[in-house]
Amino acid sequence: MITPAFELSQDAESLTIAIRVPYARVAEFEVYFEGVDFKFYAKPYFLRLTLPGRIVENGNEDGSYNVDKGIFTLRMSKETPGQHFEGLNMLTSLLASKKTRSAKPLVEVTGSSELPVESKEDEEEEFDWEIEQSPYEELTESDLNSQYHYGFGNLRSGVFKRLQDELSDVIDLKDPDATPPAERRQKRLAAEESKFDPDHYLADYFEDEAIQKVLKYKPWWALAFAQKIASPESSGEQNTQEAFQVSFSKEENYQLLKFTNKSYLLDKRAQYYVYYGLIDILLAYCYEIRVTEGESNVESPWNIRKLSGTLSWFESWNNIHEILVSFGRRVLCYPLYRHFKLVTKAHIDTVKILQLGKGAVLKCLLDIHKIFQENDPAYILNDLYISDYCVWIQKVKSRKLASLAETLQRTYVAKGHLGLEIEELESAALLVQGEESEVEEPWSASRQRVSDFNSLTGGSGKSDGVSSSKMEDTNVDRAKLADSEGGKIKGLQENTTPKTESLESCTKPAIWLHELGQEKPVSSSPSARVSAPLIIELEEMETEPQRSQQQETSPVDEGKQPT
């Protein structure tokens, strides 16, 4: 049987299902629905759905068939008029069956010499007799305990013992099965310290034309978030995540149909690992989409997995702040564009995606799945993480995602938290730049004043009828004036030493002040004491003209006009 492509829509009174069944026999089809069960059969297509709300047969249902498009459209009444069915675009979840299947047969035949059908080898298939063999070794209890877990919810282990050849091309961790979580973190931090390049960072810090361009790029979720904020429902008491729906393309719907529906038994700690890992993966994805302006390329799989500590080091996070610190460090160590503003932008983008709801999160995960699936051997990360995330996110409660977005919005990371001493690096570079401008400024001022003096006196070589005695007097006066001007220039030179700002004032954020142990944004401006959402404040910071940086690169004393 073939599972057909289908779409669901709703209004206040009814639920509509459009099923695409080309080349089916129109005269022979069956439809059954009761409560949350819906079944459709038209040879060779079969569709069974578990709906998120109850429907009822009351005589108002109807259906139609479009011969040209091959689409059945069925309209059924809701049992409770006005009820909103949440998650109609979560196709994998809708395909789930209410009945549970046992993993083992209820009756097992023992002592039979007959082999099961699926275990019989194909006689025509050639067997490789030259395959290498190794003696069988029984795993001891210590061997089983020495394996550490990773993957979605830390549910996997022993995977990379069978995939040693692809290991180095996928992750940075050498032996995941034998490396405990604490050692993974130590090795990750050491690798980031050795990879950080001060010259590369300063080059992007001072010459940021390309970075400013990608900072202005607006991905699809920015437009969707603006639409959500502007919608009338956003001001009401209704949960806007239920009212706002993210549309999926035909290709994305096809991806959803290929996933196998699963149920995940996660304890409380594993649930935290899953939610925190989702934030880490979305941060890396938001950076990739921004720097490529939505056009993925051959470097996209490397970018996403390299910037995510979850994907490259199998990290298990304990709080959101350490996720942002890890992401910030990796942005400044590995990719082409290494600028702290890109860290802030990815932070804002991730908050927007989570506030849009699980439909937006699922759309991003499907894109990551597609990027990894087209790259060898990055597809292994789909099996370890992304495929499970795509199935799991469809069953997550919207209020949990809203709470996660709110916590992420309140959490703040500064340059000083990254541990790369970039604040000291920036201050030293600005100090050197100020000293260079100090040396060049007196010479330019002297040349400008001599040029102005020559223009006032008419220059040399033109008498214009002036007698030789008067010319000599003029030369004497000119010499005296030059001496006096030289004194003024000398005095000016002594007063043009730039006021070097302290390290704290150079590196302190324009809007944020982070208090230790309190992940709460506080405005540094006395006139802006009222706390605003993180998205609004950081967007204003991005659009504010860079006056402070221009003053640092070209310091000028108060009361003195630049020459």
Protein backbone atom coordinates (compact mmCIF):
# COMPACT_ATOMS: atom_id res chain seq x y z
CA MET A 1 0.00 0.00 0.00
CA ILE A 2 1.09 3.57 -0.76
CA THR A 3 0.68 6.40 1.73
CA PRO A 4 -0.69 9.32 -0.32
CA ALA A 5 0.22 12.98 0.01
CA PHE A 6 -2.38 14.88 2.03
CA GLU A 7 -3.11 18.26 3.60
CA LEU A 8 -5.45 19.29 6.40
CA SER A 9 -7.19 22.59 7.02
CA GLN A 10 -9.92 23.73 9.36
CA ASP A 11 -12.45 26.39 10.16
CA ALA A 12 -14.57 26.91 13.24
CA GLU A 13 -17.10 24.21 12.32
CA SER A 14 -15.34 21.62 10.18
CA LEU A 15 -12.11 19.81 9.23
CA THR A 16 -11.09 19.42 5.58
CA ILE A 17 -8.70 16.75 4.28
CA ALA A 18 -7.32 16.91 0.72
CA ILE A 19 -5.79 13.59 -0.42
CA ARG A 20 -3.83 13.30 -3.66
CA VAL A 21 -4.39 9.89 -5.26
CA PRO A 22 -3.44 10.00 -8.96
CA TYR A 23 -4.25 6.93 -11.08
CA ALA A 24 -6.59 5.55 -8.41
CA ARG A 25 -9.91 3.91 -9.16
CA VAL A 26 -12.46 6.62 -8.44
CA ALA A 27 -15.37 4.20 -8.37
CA GLU A 28 -13.77 2.07 -5.64
CA PHE A 29 -12.83 3.98 -2.51
CA GLU A 30 -13.76 3.80 1.15
CA VAL A 31 -13.82 6.44 3.88
CA TYR A 32 -14.21 5.81 7.60
CA PHE A 33 -14.08 8.36 10.41
CA GLU A 34 -15.19 8.35 14.01
CA GLY A 35 -13.83 10.34 16.93
CA VAL A 36 -10.12 10.86 16.29
CA ASP A 37 -9.85 8.00 13.76
CA PHE A 38 -9.82 8.62 10.02
CA LYS A 39 -9.25 5.99 7.34
CA PHE A 40 -9.22 6.31 3.56
CA TYR A 41 -8.69 3.55 1.01
CA ALA A 42 -8.52 3.79 -2.78
CA LYS A 43 -6.39 1.08 -4.35
CA PRO A 44 -3.36 1.23 -4.20
CA TYR A 45 -3.50 4.09 -1.63
CA PHE A 46 -4.23 3.73 2.07
CA LEU A 47 -4.27 6.51 4.67
CA ARG A 48 -4.91 6.19 8.41
CA LEU A 49 -4.75 9.27 10.63
CA THR A 50 -5.04 9.93 14.35
CA LEU A 51 -6.53 13.41 14.49
CA PRO A 52 -5.75 15.95 17.24
CA GLY A 53 -9.51 16.52 17.79
CA ARG A 54 -12.75 14.60 17.48
CA ILE A 55 -14.97 14.65 14.39
CA VAL A 56 -18.52 13.39 14.08
CA GLU A 57 -20.86 12.12 11.37
CA ASN A 58 -23.96 14.36 11.46
CA GLY A 59 -25.08 14.51 7.84
CA ASN A 60 -23.23 17.75 7.02
CA GLU A 61 -20.12 16.02 5.66
CA ASP A 62 -19.41 16.14 1.95
CA GLY A 63 -16.69 15.23 -0.53
CA SER A 64 -15.52 15.89 -4.06
CA TYR A 65 -12.94 14.59 -6.54
CA ASN A 66 -10.87 16.70 -8.95
CA VAL A 67 -10.20 14.48 -11.96
CA ASP A 68 -7.48 16.70 -13.47
CA LYS A 69 -5.44 16.93 -10.25
CA GLY A 70 -6.41 13.54 -8.81
CA ILE A 71 -7.36 15.01 -5.40
CA PHE A 72 -10.12 13.81 -3.06
CA THR A 73 -11.43 16.62 -0.82
CA LEU A 74 -13.39 15.47 2.24
CA ARG A 75 -15.09 17.85 4.67
CA MET A 76 -16.24 16.61 8.11
CA SER A 77 -17.85 18.35 11.08
CA LYS A 78 -16.10 18.87 14.39
CA GLU A 79 -17.71 17.27 17.42
CA THR A 80 -17.17 20.52 19.37
CA PRO A 81 -17.78 23.53 17.11
CA GLY A 82 -15.24 26.29 17.59
CA GLN A 83 -12.52 23.93 18.86
CA HIS A 84 -9.05 24.58 17.40
CA PHE A 85 -7.18 21.45 16.24
CA GLU A 86 -3.51 22.02 16.99
CA GLY A 87 -0.74 20.45 14.91
CA LEU A 88 -2.54 19.76 11.64
CA ASN A 89 0.75 20.28 9.76
CA MET A 90 2.59 17.70 11.89
CA LEU A 91 2.08 14.94 9.36
CA THR A 92 4.33 12.31 10.93
CA SER A 93 2.48 12.61 14.23
CA LEU A 94 -0.90 12.32 12.49
CA LEU A 95 0.14 9.02 10.88
CA ALA A 96 0.57 7.43 14.32
CA SER A 97 -1.63 4.54 15.33
CA LYS A 98 -3.36 4.42 18.72
CA LYS A 99 -2.52 0.75 19.11
CA THR A 100 0.87 -0.22 20.47
CA ARG A 101 2.79 -3.09 19.00
CA SER A 102 4.82 -5.54 21.05
CA ALA A 103 8.49 -5.79 20.20
CA LYS A 104 8.47 -9.56 20.84
CA PRO A 105 6.03 -12.20 19.59
CA LEU A 106 3.48 -13.37 22.15
CA VAL A 107 4.20 -17.02 21.28
CA GLU A 108 7.66 -18.30 20.42
CA VAL A 109 8.28 -21.76 18.99
CA THR A 110 11.41 -23.42 20.45
CA GLY A 111 13.22 -26.54 19.37
CA SER A 112 12.08 -26.30 15.78
CA SER A 113 14.55 -27.08 13.04
CA GLU A 114 12.70 -24.97 10.53
CA LEU A 115 14.20 -21.51 10.03
CA PRO A 116 11.93 -18.47 9.75
CA VAL A 117 11.29 -17.19 6.28
CA GLU A 118 13.15 -13.89 6.73
CA SER A 119 16.32 -15.68 7.85
CA LYS A 120 16.68 -17.84 4.73
CA GLU A 121 19.51 -16.71 2.54
CA ASP A 122 19.03 -16.09 -1.13
CA GLU A 123 20.72 -18.97 -2.92
CA GLU A 124 21.60 -16.80 -5.89
CA GLU A 125 23.40 -14.19 -3.79
CA GLU A 126 27.17 -14.52 -3.87
CA PHE A 127 28.97 -14.81 -0.58
CA ASP A 128 32.31 -13.11 -0.04
CA TRP A 129 34.52 -15.89 1.33
CA GLU A 130 37.54 -13.58 1.61
CA ILE A 131 36.02 -11.29 4.22
CA GLU A 132 38.25 -10.63 7.22
CA GLN A 133 37.32 -12.33 10.47
CA SER A 134 38.13 -11.79 14.11
CA PRO A 135 37.61 -14.14 17.07
CA TYR A 136 34.39 -13.63 18.98
CA GLU A 137 34.87 -12.01 22.36
CA GLU A 138 32.22 -11.93 25.04
CA LEU A 139 31.63 -8.40 26.38
CA THR A 140 32.18 -8.16 30.10
CA GLU A 141 30.17 -6.00 32.46
CA SER A 142 33.05 -3.50 32.68
CA ASP A 143 33.10 -3.18 28.89
CA LEU A 144 29.40 -2.39 28.81
CA ASN A 145 29.73 0.20 31.58
CA SER A 146 32.72 1.86 29.89
CA GLN A 147 30.60 2.93 26.91
CA TYR A 148 29.31 6.48 27.16
CA HIS A 149 26.13 7.68 25.53
CA TYR A 150 25.38 10.37 22.96
CA GLY A 151 22.82 11.13 20.27
CA PHE A 152 19.23 12.30 20.75
CA GLY A 153 18.52 12.28 24.49
CA ASN A 154 21.81 10.40 25.05
CA LEU A 155 20.08 7.22 23.87
CA ARG A 156 22.86 5.89 21.61
CA SER A 157 26.17 4.16 22.29
CA GLY A 158 28.58 1.94 20.42
CA VAL A 159 27.73 3.51 17.05
CA PHE A 160 31.19 4.76 16.18
CA LYS A 161 32.86 1.45 16.94
CA ARG A 162 31.30 0.32 13.69
CA LEU A 163 31.96 3.58 11.82
CA GLN A 164 35.59 4.35 12.55
CA ASP A 165 36.35 5.24 8.91
CA GLU A 166 33.78 8.06 8.81
CA LEU A 167 34.47 9.31 12.34
CA SER A 168 37.11 11.96 11.61
CA ASP A 169 35.04 13.51 8.81
CA VAL A 170 31.94 14.01 10.94
CA ILE A 171 32.88 15.01 14.48
CA ASP A 172 35.90 16.39 16.36
CA LEU A 173 35.72 13.84 19.18
CA LYS A 174 38.07 10.93 18.56
CA ASP A 175 36.50 8.15 20.63
CA PRO A 176 32.95 9.01 21.75
CA ASP A 177 32.22 5.59 23.21
CA ALA A 178 35.14 5.76 25.65
CA THR A 179 35.18 9.51 26.44
CA PRO A 180 33.15 10.72 29.45
CA PRO A 181 31.21 14.02 29.18
CA ALA A 182 33.65 15.97 31.39
CA GLU A 183 36.61 14.96 29.24
CA ARG A 184 34.71 15.86 26.08
CA ARG A 185 34.26 19.39 27.38
CA GLN A 186 37.92 19.75 28.35
CA LYS A 187 39.07 18.61 24.93
CA ARG A 188 36.61 20.92 23.20
CA LEU A 189 37.79 23.97 25.13
CA ALA A 190 41.43 23.10 24.44
CA ALA A 191 40.74 22.71 20.72
CA GLU A 192 38.99 26.10 20.61
CA GLU A 193 41.87 27.80 22.43
CA SER A 194 44.38 26.45 19.92
CA LYS A 195 42.20 27.37 16.95
CA PHE A 196 41.48 31.00 17.91
CA ASP A 197 43.36 33.40 15.57
CA PRO A 198 43.69 37.00 16.87
CA ASP A 199 44.69 38.35 13.43
CA HIS A 200 41.60 36.85 11.78
CA TYR A 201 39.35 38.23 14.51
CA LEU A 202 40.81 41.76 14.32
CA ALA A 203 40.59 41.74 10.52
CA ASP A 204 36.84 41.04 10.74
CA TYR A 205 36.47 43.52 13.61
CA PHE A 206 37.91 46.52 11.71
CA GLU A 207 37.07 45.54 8.10
CA ASP A 208 33.45 44.45 8.49
CA GLU A 209 31.84 45.49 5.19
CA ALA A 210 30.87 41.92 4.29
CA ILE A 211 29.69 41.24 7.83
CA GLN A 212 27.49 44.33 7.87
CA LYS A 213 25.88 43.05 4.69
CA VAL A 214 24.93 39.68 6.16
CA LEU A 215 23.73 41.37 9.35
CA LYS A 216 21.11 43.22 7.27
CA TYR A 217 19.80 39.99 5.70
CA LYS A 218 16.28 39.04 6.81
CA PRO A 219 15.56 35.29 6.80
CA TRP A 220 12.05 33.90 6.41
CA TRP A 221 11.47 33.63 10.16
CA ALA A 222 12.15 37.36 10.63
CA LEU A 223 9.36 38.19 8.19
CA ALA A 224 7.07 35.58 9.74
CA PHE A 225 7.77 36.94 13.23
CA ALA A 226 6.95 40.49 12.09
CA GLN A 227 3.71 39.18 10.59
CA LYS A 228 2.86 37.40 13.83
CA ILE A 229 3.49 40.52 15.93
CA ALA A 230 1.36 42.61 13.59
CA SER A 231 -1.54 40.14 13.59
CA PRO A 232 -4.65 41.09 15.61
CA GLU A 233 -4.48 37.83 17.60
CA SER A 234 -1.13 38.86 19.12
CA SER A 235 -2.83 41.45 21.31
CA GLY A 236 -5.51 39.08 22.57
CA GLU A 237 -5.44 36.48 25.28
CA GLN A 238 -5.46 33.56 22.85
CA ASN A 239 -2.19 31.69 22.46
CA THR A 240 -0.83 33.01 19.17
CA GLN A 241 1.26 29.89 18.64
CA GLU A 242 -1.98 28.02 18.06
CA ALA A 243 -3.33 30.62 15.63
CA PHE A 244 -0.08 31.10 13.71
CA GLN A 245 0.72 28.36 11.21
CA VAL A 246 3.95 27.86 9.24
CA SER A 247 3.36 26.48 5.76
CA PHE A 248 5.38 23.56 4.41
CA SER A 249 6.35 22.95 0.81
CA LYS A 250 5.52 19.74 -1.06
CA GLU A 251 9.11 18.59 -0.64
CA GLU A 252 8.94 19.14 3.13
CA ASN A 253 5.65 17.25 3.35
CA TYR A 254 7.30 14.39 1.48
CA GLN A 255 10.13 14.42 4.01
CA LEU A 256 7.64 14.18 6.86
CA LEU A 257 5.93 11.18 5.30
CA LYS A 258 9.21 9.27 5.16
CA PHE A 259 9.86 9.51 8.92
CA THR A 260 8.89 6.61 11.15
CA ASN A 261 6.70 7.65 14.02
CA LYS A 262 8.23 6.91 17.43
CA SER A 263 7.53 7.47 21.07
CA TYR A 264 10.44 8.60 23.25
CA LEU A 265 10.66 7.58 26.89
CA LEU A 266 12.86 10.33 28.32
CA ASP A 267 13.52 10.98 31.98
CA LYS A 268 13.71 14.53 33.28
CA ARG A 269 17.46 14.89 32.73
CA ALA A 270 17.23 13.51 29.19
CA GLN A 271 14.45 15.98 28.41
CA TYR A 272 16.70 18.85 29.44
CA TYR A 273 19.46 17.49 27.21
CA VAL A 274 17.05 17.35 24.26
CA TYR A 275 15.74 20.91 24.72
CA TYR A 276 19.22 22.37 25.25
CA GLY A 277 20.61 20.46 22.28
CA LEU A 278 17.82 21.89 20.14
CA ILE A 279 18.91 25.45 21.04
CA ASP A 280 22.53 24.66 20.19
CA ILE A 281 21.62 23.20 16.79
CA LEU A 282 19.29 26.10 15.93
CA LEU A 283 22.00 28.65 16.78
CA ALA A 284 24.40 27.01 14.34
CA TYR A 285 21.68 26.81 11.68
CA CYS A 286 20.74 30.49 12.08
CA TYR A 287 24.38 31.51 11.61
CA GLU A 288 24.64 29.38 8.46
CA ILE A 289 21.46 30.77 6.89
CA ARG A 290 22.53 34.35 7.60
CA VAL A 291 26.08 34.15 6.21
CA THR A 292 24.90 32.32 3.07
CA GLU A 293 21.81 34.56 2.81
CA GLY A 294 19.55 31.52 2.59
CA GLU A 295 21.45 29.82 -0.23
CA SER A 296 23.12 26.67 1.14
CA ASN A 297 26.34 25.47 -0.49
CA VAL A 298 28.89 22.69 -0.15
CA GLU A 299 30.24 24.28 3.05
CA SER A 300 26.85 24.39 4.78
CA PRO A 301 27.04 20.91 6.40
CA TRP A 302 30.50 21.71 7.76
CA ASN A 303 29.36 25.09 9.11
CA ILE A 304 26.35 23.70 10.99
CA ARG A 305 28.06 20.75 12.61
CA LYS A 306 31.25 22.69 13.37
CA LEU A 307 29.46 25.53 15.18
CA SER A 308 27.33 23.15 17.25
CA GLY A 309 29.05 21.58 20.24
CA THR A 310 26.20 19.07 20.32
CA LEU A 311 26.93 17.78 16.81
CA SER A 312 30.73 18.04 16.78
CA TRP A 313 31.59 17.06 20.38
CA PHE A 314 28.41 15.28 21.57
CA GLU A 315 28.13 17.80 24.41
CA SER A 316 25.39 17.50 27.04
CA TRP A 317 24.42 20.95 28.33
CA ASN A 318 23.36 21.94 31.83
CA ASN A 319 22.03 25.47 31.19
CA ILE A 320 21.39 27.91 28.36
CA HIS A 321 24.21 30.31 29.24
CA GLU A 322 26.92 27.71 28.64
CA ILE A 323 25.32 26.92 25.27
CA LEU A 324 25.62 30.58 24.21
CA VAL A 325 29.22 30.72 25.48
CA SER A 326 30.17 27.61 23.51
CA PHE A 327 28.47 28.90 20.36
CA GLY A 328 30.15 32.30 20.69
CA ARG A 329 33.59 30.72 21.08
CA ARG A 330 33.11 28.50 18.05
CA VAL A 331 31.88 31.39 15.89
CA LEU A 332 35.09 33.30 16.70
CA CYS A 333 37.31 30.28 16.06
CA TYR A 334 36.15 28.31 13.00
CA PRO A 335 34.02 29.89 10.22
CA LEU A 336 34.94 32.45 7.58
CA TYR A 337 33.16 35.39 9.28
CA ARG A 338 34.24 35.75 12.93
CA HIS A 339 32.41 38.66 14.51
CA PHE A 340 30.60 38.89 17.85
CA LYS A 341 27.59 40.64 16.26
CA LEU A 342 26.89 37.43 14.36
CA VAL A 343 26.61 35.64 17.70
CA THR A 344 24.06 38.21 18.86
CA LYS A 345 22.09 37.95 15.62
CA ALA A 346 21.93 34.15 15.81
CA HIS A 347 20.71 34.51 19.40
CA ILE A 348 17.90 36.84 18.30
CA ASP A 349 16.98 34.60 15.36
CA THR A 350 16.73 31.51 17.57
CA VAL A 351 14.40 33.31 19.98
CA LYS A 352 12.16 34.30 17.07
CA ILE A 353 12.02 30.74 15.72
CA LEU A 354 11.05 29.32 19.11
CA GLN A 355 8.40 32.00 19.61
CA LEU A 356 6.89 31.15 16.22
CA GLY A 357 6.15 27.66 17.56
CA LYS A 358 7.00 24.09 16.71
CA GLY A 359 5.99 24.50 13.07
CA ALA A 360 8.86 26.95 12.54
CA VAL A 361 11.27 24.73 14.49
CA LEU A 362 10.24 21.72 12.40
CA LYS A 363 10.78 23.67 9.17
CA CYS A 364 14.36 24.49 10.26
CA LEU A 365 15.04 20.89 11.29
CA LEU A 366 13.79 19.62 7.93
CA ASP A 367 16.20 21.96 6.16
CA ILE A 368 19.09 20.74 8.33
CA HIS A 369 18.07 17.14 7.59
CA LYS A 370 18.12 17.87 3.86
CA ILE A 371 21.54 19.57 4.06
CA PHE A 372 23.06 16.64 5.96
CA GLN A 373 21.37 14.01 3.82
CA GLU A 374 23.00 15.38 0.67
CA ASN A 375 26.47 15.30 2.22
CA ASP A 376 28.58 12.21 2.80
CA PRO A 377 29.16 11.33 5.63
CA ALA A 378 27.16 14.03 7.47
CA TYR A 379 24.06 11.87 7.06
CA ILE A 380 25.23 10.00 10.18
CA LEU A 381 24.20 13.03 12.24
CA ASN A 382 20.68 12.68 10.86
CA ASP A 383 20.51 9.17 12.27
CA LEU A 384 21.96 10.27 15.60
CA TYR A 385 20.06 13.54 16.12
CA ILE A 386 18.08 15.32 13.40
CA SER A 387 15.61 12.60 12.36
CA ASP A 388 14.60 12.02 15.97
CA TYR A 389 14.27 15.77 16.52
CA CYS A 390 11.96 16.02 13.48
CA VAL A 391 9.64 13.36 14.94
CA TRP A 392 9.89 14.48 18.57
CA ILE A 393 9.19 18.20 17.94
CA GLN A 394 5.79 17.38 16.44
CA LYS A 395 4.57 16.12 19.82
CA VAL A 396 6.03 18.87 22.01
CA LYS A 397 3.59 21.08 23.89
CA SER A 398 3.53 24.65 22.61
CA ARG A 399 3.74 26.09 26.13
CA LYS A 400 7.07 24.31 26.70
CA LEU A 401 8.57 25.90 23.60
CA ALA A 402 7.21 29.28 24.70
CA SER A 403 8.86 28.83 28.11
CA LEU A 404 12.12 27.81 26.45
CA ALA A 405 12.03 30.90 24.22
CA GLU A 406 11.38 33.14 27.21
CA THR A 407 14.35 31.69 29.12
CA LEU A 408 16.62 32.03 26.10
CA GLN A 409 15.45 35.63 25.65
CA ARG A 410 16.42 36.51 29.23
CA THR A 411 19.86 34.90 28.99
CA TYR A 412 22.73 37.13 27.90
CA VAL A 413 26.33 36.46 26.91
CA ALA A 414 29.05 39.11 26.71
CA LYS A 415 32.48 39.08 25.11
CA GLY A 416 34.14 38.65 28.48
CA HIS A 417 32.27 35.39 29.08
CA LEU A 418 33.91 33.64 26.12
CA GLY A 419 37.32 33.34 27.77
CA LEU A 420 39.24 34.35 24.64
CA GLU A 421 40.41 37.76 25.96
CA ILE A 422 38.92 39.52 22.95
CA GLU A 423 38.14 42.65 24.97
CA GLU A 424 41.84 43.10 25.80
CA LEU A 425 42.68 42.35 22.17
CA GLU A 426 40.29 45.03 20.89
CA SER A 427 41.55 47.60 23.41
CA ALA A 428 45.18 47.00 22.47
CA ALA A 429 44.37 47.31 18.77
CA LEU A 430 42.45 50.55 19.32
CA LEU A 431 45.31 51.94 21.43
CA VAL A 432 47.83 51.21 18.66
CA GLN A 433 45.53 52.77 16.11
CA GLY A 434 45.18 55.87 18.30
CA GLU A 435 48.96 56.24 18.61
CA GLU A 436 49.36 56.03 14.83
CA SER A 437 46.74 58.74 14.29
CA GLU A 438 48.49 60.89 16.94
CA VAL A 439 51.76 60.77 14.99
CA GLU A 440 50.12 61.62 11.66
CA GLU A 441 47.86 64.45 12.94
CA PRO A 442 50.52 67.16 13.76
CA TRP A 443 52.18 66.80 10.35
CA SER A 444 48.88 67.16 8.54
CA ALA A 445 48.01 70.20 10.67
CA SER A 446 51.38 71.86 9.90
CA ARG A 447 51.06 71.28 6.17
CA GLN A 448 47.53 72.65 6.17
CA ARG A 449 48.50 75.86 8.03
CA VAL A 450 51.52 76.56 5.77
CA SER A 451 49.28 76.08 2.74
CA ASP A 452 46.73 78.51 4.19
CA PHE A 453 49.48 81.06 4.91
CA ASN A 454 50.80 80.90 1.33
CA SER A 455 47.34 81.44 -0.05
CA LEU A 456 46.88 84.52 2.13
CA THR A 457 50.26 86.12 1.19
CA GLY A 458 49.90 85.37 -2.50
CA GLY A 459 52.81 82.92 -2.60
CA SER A 460 56.40 83.63 -3.68
CA GLY A 461 57.63 84.92 -7.06
CA LYS A 462 54.76 87.43 -7.69
CA SER A 463 55.53 91.11 -6.78
CA ASP A 464 52.38 92.69 -8.36
CA GLY A 465 54.12 96.11 -8.49
CA VAL A 466 55.38 96.03 -4.92
CA SER A 467 58.86 97.68 -4.44
CA SER A 468 61.86 95.65 -3.40
CA SER A 469 62.01 97.35 0.03
CA LYS A 470 58.39 96.54 0.69
CA MET A 471 59.06 93.00 -0.50
CA GLU A 472 61.85 92.62 2.02
CA ASP A 473 59.62 93.95 4.81
CA THR A 474 56.98 91.48 3.76
CA ASN A 475 59.49 88.62 3.91
CA VAL A 476 60.55 89.69 7.41
CA ASP A 477 56.94 89.88 8.54
CA ARG A 478 56.32 86.50 6.93
CA ALA A 479 59.22 84.96 8.84
CA LYS A 480 57.96 86.39 12.13
CA LEU A 481 54.48 85.15 11.37
CA ALA A 482 55.84 81.70 10.53
CA ASP A 483 57.71 81.62 13.84
CA SER A 484 54.58 82.54 15.73
CA GLU A 485 52.61 79.98 13.76
CA GLY A 486 55.25 77.38 14.57
CA GLY A 487 54.80 78.15 18.25
CA LYS A 488 51.08 77.71 17.89
CA ILE A 489 51.57 74.40 16.10
CA LYS A 490 53.97 73.27 18.81
CA GLY A 491 51.42 74.15 21.48
CA LEU A 492 48.73 72.43 19.45
CA GLN A 493 50.88 69.32 19.20
CA GLU A 494 51.25 69.16 22.97
CA ASN A 495 47.46 69.33 23.43
CA THR A 496 46.48 66.72 20.82
CA THR A 497 47.36 63.64 22.90
CA PRO A 498 44.24 61.45 22.68
CA LYS A 499 42.35 60.62 25.82
CA THR A 500 42.76 56.86 26.10
CA GLU A 501 39.61 55.27 27.45
CA SER A 502 39.81 52.69 30.16
CA LEU A 503 39.52 49.00 29.30
CA GLU A 504 36.10 48.77 30.90
CA SER A 505 34.58 51.64 28.92
CA CYS A 506 35.99 50.32 25.63
CA THR A 507 34.56 46.86 25.99
CA LYS A 508 31.37 47.41 28.00
CA PRO A 509 28.26 46.73 25.83
CA ALA A 510 26.23 49.78 24.80
CA ILE A 511 23.00 48.40 26.22
CA TRP A 512 23.71 45.35 28.38
CA LEU A 513 25.32 44.99 31.78
CA HIS A 514 25.61 41.39 32.99
CA GLU A 515 25.60 40.79 36.71
CA LEU A 516 27.24 37.62 37.93
CA GLY A 517 24.70 34.97 38.83
CA GLN A 518 21.84 37.02 37.38
CA GLU A 519 21.05 36.40 33.74
CA LYS A 520 18.98 39.55 33.42
CA PRO A 521 19.48 42.38 30.93
CA VAL A 522 19.85 45.85 32.45
CA SER A 523 20.08 49.03 30.43
CA SER A 524 23.31 50.99 30.92
CA SER A 525 21.65 54.25 29.92
CA PRO A 526 20.13 56.24 32.84
CA SER A 527 17.21 57.29 30.67
CA ALA A 528 16.30 53.74 29.69
CA ARG A 529 15.57 52.06 33.00
CA VAL A 530 12.44 50.33 31.77
CA SER A 531 13.28 46.78 30.69
CA ALA A 532 12.26 45.87 27.15
CA PRO A 533 12.24 42.53 25.35
CA LEU A 534 15.62 41.28 24.25
CA ILE A 535 14.68 41.28 20.57
CA ILE A 536 13.71 44.97 20.56
CA GLU A 537 16.77 46.11 22.50
CA LEU A 538 19.27 44.15 20.45
CA GLU A 539 17.67 45.19 17.17
CA GLU A 540 18.07 48.83 18.24
CA MET A 541 21.69 48.15 19.09
CA GLU A 542 22.29 46.71 15.63
CA THR A 543 20.71 49.69 13.83
CA GLU A 544 22.36 52.36 15.99
CA PRO A 545 25.16 54.25 14.17
CA GLN A 546 28.64 53.23 15.21
CA ARG A 547 29.64 56.58 16.71
CA SER A 548 31.54 55.10 19.63
CA GLN A 549 33.80 53.03 17.36
CA GLN A 550 34.56 56.04 15.16
CA GLN A 551 35.59 58.06 18.21
CA GLU A 552 37.95 55.30 19.32
CA THR A 553 39.61 55.01 15.93
CA SER A 554 40.02 58.80 15.52
CA PRO A 555 40.19 60.42 18.97
CA VAL A 556 39.80 64.21 19.07
CA ASP A 557 39.86 66.42 22.17
CA GLU A 558 36.79 68.36 23.15
CA GLY A 559 36.86 71.94 21.93
CA LYS A 560 39.36 71.23 19.12
CA GLN A 561 38.25 71.13 15.51
CA PRO A 562 39.76 68.23 13.48
CA THR A 563 42.24 69.41 10.87
